[in-house]
Amino acid sequence: MTCKYTKSKKIEPLKPSCKKPTYNSLEEAQEMVRYVYATRVTRQIRPYKCPICGLWHLTSSKSK
């Protein structure tokens, strides 16, 4: 049996739910922190796991 679609639908690509740069793992985020410290003068930054998208971001705010 074959299936034919009568209407073609335009499928939009998935967009990340967060606007911040994302990292797939804690190790990737920590590597970016080391890179930032080596190349810039900045305040303390740390990685955190986002409760919305489940990926890792960087923040300069103090931990809760």
N, C-alpha and C. Protein backbone atom coordinates (compact mmCIF):
# COMPACT_ATOMS: atom_id res chain seq x y z
N MET A 1 0.84 -1.17 0.00
CA MET A 1 0.00 0.00 0.00
C MET A 1 0.90 1.24 0.00
N THR A 2 0.56 2.22 -0.78
CA THR A 2 1.31 3.46 -0.83
C THR A 2 0.47 4.59 -0.25
N CYS A 3 1.15 5.60 0.19
CA CYS A 3 0.48 6.73 0.79
C CYS A 3 0.80 7.99 -0.02
N LYS A 4 -0.21 8.73 -0.39
CA LYS A 4 0.00 9.97 -1.12
C LYS A 4 -0.52 11.12 -0.27
N TYR A 5 0.23 12.20 -0.27
CA TYR A 5 -0.20 13.39 0.44
C TYR A 5 -0.90 14.31 -0.54
N THR A 6 -2.03 14.83 -0.14
CA THR A 6 -2.79 15.69 -1.04
C THR A 6 -2.31 17.14 -0.98
N LYS A 7 -1.84 17.58 0.18
CA LYS A 7 -1.37 18.96 0.31
C LYS A 7 0.08 18.94 0.77
N SER A 8 0.88 19.78 0.17
CA SER A 8 2.26 19.87 0.63
C SER A 8 2.32 20.93 1.72
N LYS A 9 2.96 20.59 2.81
CA LYS A 9 3.09 21.52 3.92
C LYS A 9 4.52 22.02 4.00
N LYS A 10 4.65 23.27 4.34
CA LYS A 10 5.97 23.83 4.52
C LYS A 10 6.39 23.55 5.96
N ILE A 11 7.49 22.86 6.11
CA ILE A 11 7.97 22.50 7.44
C ILE A 11 9.10 23.44 7.81
N GLU A 12 8.93 24.13 8.92
CA GLU A 12 9.94 25.07 9.41
C GLU A 12 10.99 24.31 10.21
N PRO A 13 12.26 24.69 10.09
CA PRO A 13 13.29 24.04 10.90
C PRO A 13 13.11 24.39 12.38
N LEU A 14 13.57 23.51 13.23
CA LEU A 14 13.46 23.75 14.67
C LEU A 14 14.37 24.90 15.07
N LYS A 15 13.87 25.78 15.88
CA LYS A 15 14.65 26.89 16.39
C LYS A 15 14.90 26.64 17.87
N PRO A 16 16.10 26.97 18.36
CA PRO A 16 16.35 26.80 19.78
C PRO A 16 15.42 27.70 20.59
N SER A 17 14.98 27.20 21.72
CA SER A 17 14.05 27.96 22.54
C SER A 17 14.75 29.08 23.29
N CYS A 18 16.05 28.99 23.45
CA CYS A 18 16.81 30.04 24.14
C CYS A 18 17.61 30.84 23.12
N LYS A 19 17.79 32.12 23.42
CA LYS A 19 18.52 32.99 22.52
C LYS A 19 20.02 32.99 22.82
N LYS A 20 20.43 32.49 23.98
CA LYS A 20 21.84 32.47 24.36
C LYS A 20 22.59 31.40 23.57
N PRO A 21 23.91 31.59 23.43
CA PRO A 21 24.71 30.50 22.83
C PRO A 21 24.59 29.24 23.68
N THR A 22 24.49 28.09 23.03
CA THR A 22 24.31 26.84 23.76
C THR A 22 25.50 25.92 23.57
N TYR A 23 25.71 25.07 24.55
CA TYR A 23 26.77 24.07 24.52
C TYR A 23 26.13 22.73 24.85
N ASN A 24 26.55 21.69 24.15
CA ASN A 24 25.92 20.38 24.29
C ASN A 24 26.28 19.66 25.57
N SER A 25 27.41 20.00 26.18
CA SER A 25 27.83 19.31 27.39
C SER A 25 28.51 20.28 28.34
N LEU A 26 28.64 19.86 29.58
CA LEU A 26 29.32 20.67 30.59
C LEU A 26 30.78 20.88 30.18
N GLU A 27 31.40 19.86 29.61
CA GLU A 27 32.79 19.97 29.19
C GLU A 27 32.97 21.05 28.12
N GLU A 28 32.05 21.10 27.16
CA GLU A 28 32.13 22.14 26.12
C GLU A 28 31.98 23.52 26.73
N ALA A 29 31.07 23.67 27.67
CA ALA A 29 30.86 24.96 28.32
C ALA A 29 32.09 25.37 29.13
N GLN A 30 32.69 24.42 29.84
CA GLN A 30 33.88 24.72 30.62
C GLN A 30 35.06 25.08 29.72
N GLU A 31 35.14 24.44 28.58
CA GLU A 31 36.19 24.77 27.61
C GLU A 31 36.01 26.21 27.12
N MET A 32 34.78 26.64 26.90
CA MET A 32 34.53 28.01 26.48
C MET A 32 34.88 28.99 27.60
N VAL A 33 34.60 28.63 28.85
CA VAL A 33 34.97 29.49 29.98
C VAL A 33 36.49 29.68 30.00
N ARG A 34 37.24 28.60 29.83
CA ARG A 34 38.71 28.69 29.81
C ARG A 34 39.17 29.57 28.65
N TYR A 35 38.55 29.44 27.50
CA TYR A 35 38.90 30.25 26.34
C TYR A 35 38.63 31.74 26.61
N VAL A 36 37.49 32.04 27.19
CA VAL A 36 37.14 33.43 27.49
C VAL A 36 38.15 34.03 28.47
N TYR A 37 38.49 33.29 29.52
CA TYR A 37 39.47 33.79 30.50
C TYR A 37 40.84 34.00 29.86
N ALA A 38 41.21 33.17 28.90
CA ALA A 38 42.52 33.27 28.25
C ALA A 38 42.58 34.42 27.25
N THR A 39 41.45 34.81 26.69
CA THR A 39 41.48 35.81 25.62
C THR A 39 40.89 37.16 26.00
N ARG A 40 40.22 37.26 27.14
CA ARG A 40 39.56 38.52 27.51
C ARG A 40 39.72 38.80 29.00
N VAL A 41 39.50 40.04 29.34
CA VAL A 41 39.38 40.41 30.75
C VAL A 41 37.89 40.51 31.02
N THR A 42 37.40 39.67 31.90
CA THR A 42 35.96 39.62 32.16
C THR A 42 35.71 39.25 33.61
N ARG A 43 34.49 39.44 34.04
CA ARG A 43 34.13 39.01 35.39
C ARG A 43 33.97 37.50 35.42
N GLN A 44 33.76 36.97 36.60
CA GLN A 44 33.60 35.52 36.75
C GLN A 44 32.40 35.03 35.94
N ILE A 45 32.60 33.99 35.18
CA ILE A 45 31.49 33.35 34.47
C ILE A 45 31.49 31.88 34.82
N ARG A 46 30.33 31.28 34.70
CA ARG A 46 30.19 29.86 35.02
C ARG A 46 29.14 29.24 34.10
N PRO A 47 29.28 27.93 33.85
CA PRO A 47 28.26 27.25 33.05
C PRO A 47 27.07 26.84 33.93
N TYR A 48 25.91 26.73 33.33
CA TYR A 48 24.74 26.20 34.02
C TYR A 48 23.86 25.48 33.01
N LYS A 49 23.12 24.50 33.51
CA LYS A 49 22.21 23.74 32.65
C LYS A 49 20.87 24.45 32.63
N CYS A 50 20.40 24.76 31.45
CA CYS A 50 19.16 25.52 31.27
C CYS A 50 17.95 24.63 31.55
N PRO A 51 17.04 25.09 32.41
CA PRO A 51 15.83 24.30 32.68
C PRO A 51 14.83 24.32 31.52
N ILE A 52 15.01 25.25 30.58
CA ILE A 52 14.07 25.36 29.46
C ILE A 52 14.47 24.44 28.30
N CYS A 53 15.73 24.55 27.84
CA CYS A 53 16.14 23.78 26.66
C CYS A 53 16.96 22.54 27.02
N GLY A 54 17.47 22.47 28.25
CA GLY A 54 18.24 21.30 28.66
C GLY A 54 19.69 21.33 28.22
N LEU A 55 20.12 22.40 27.55
CA LEU A 55 21.51 22.53 27.13
C LEU A 55 22.24 23.44 28.11
N TRP A 56 23.52 23.67 27.87
CA TRP A 56 24.35 24.46 28.77
C TRP A 56 24.56 25.85 28.23
N HIS A 57 24.53 26.85 29.13
CA HIS A 57 24.79 28.24 28.81
C HIS A 57 25.84 28.76 29.78
N LEU A 58 26.31 29.99 29.53
CA LEU A 58 27.24 30.65 30.43
C LEU A 58 26.53 31.85 31.07
N THR A 59 26.87 32.11 32.33
CA THR A 59 26.30 33.25 33.03
C THR A 59 27.34 33.89 33.92
N SER A 60 27.14 35.17 34.20
CA SER A 60 28.02 35.85 35.13
C SER A 60 27.35 36.09 36.48
N SER A 61 26.08 35.69 36.59
CA SER A 61 25.39 35.86 37.87
C SER A 61 25.85 34.81 38.87
N LYS A 62 25.75 35.16 40.13
CA LYS A 62 26.14 34.24 41.20
C LYS A 62 25.16 33.08 41.26
N SER A 63 25.64 31.91 41.70
CA SER A 63 24.73 30.76 41.82
C SER A 63 23.75 30.98 42.96
N LYS A 64 22.61 30.40 42.83
CA LYS A 64 21.53 30.59 43.82
C LYS A 64 21.79 29.86 45.09
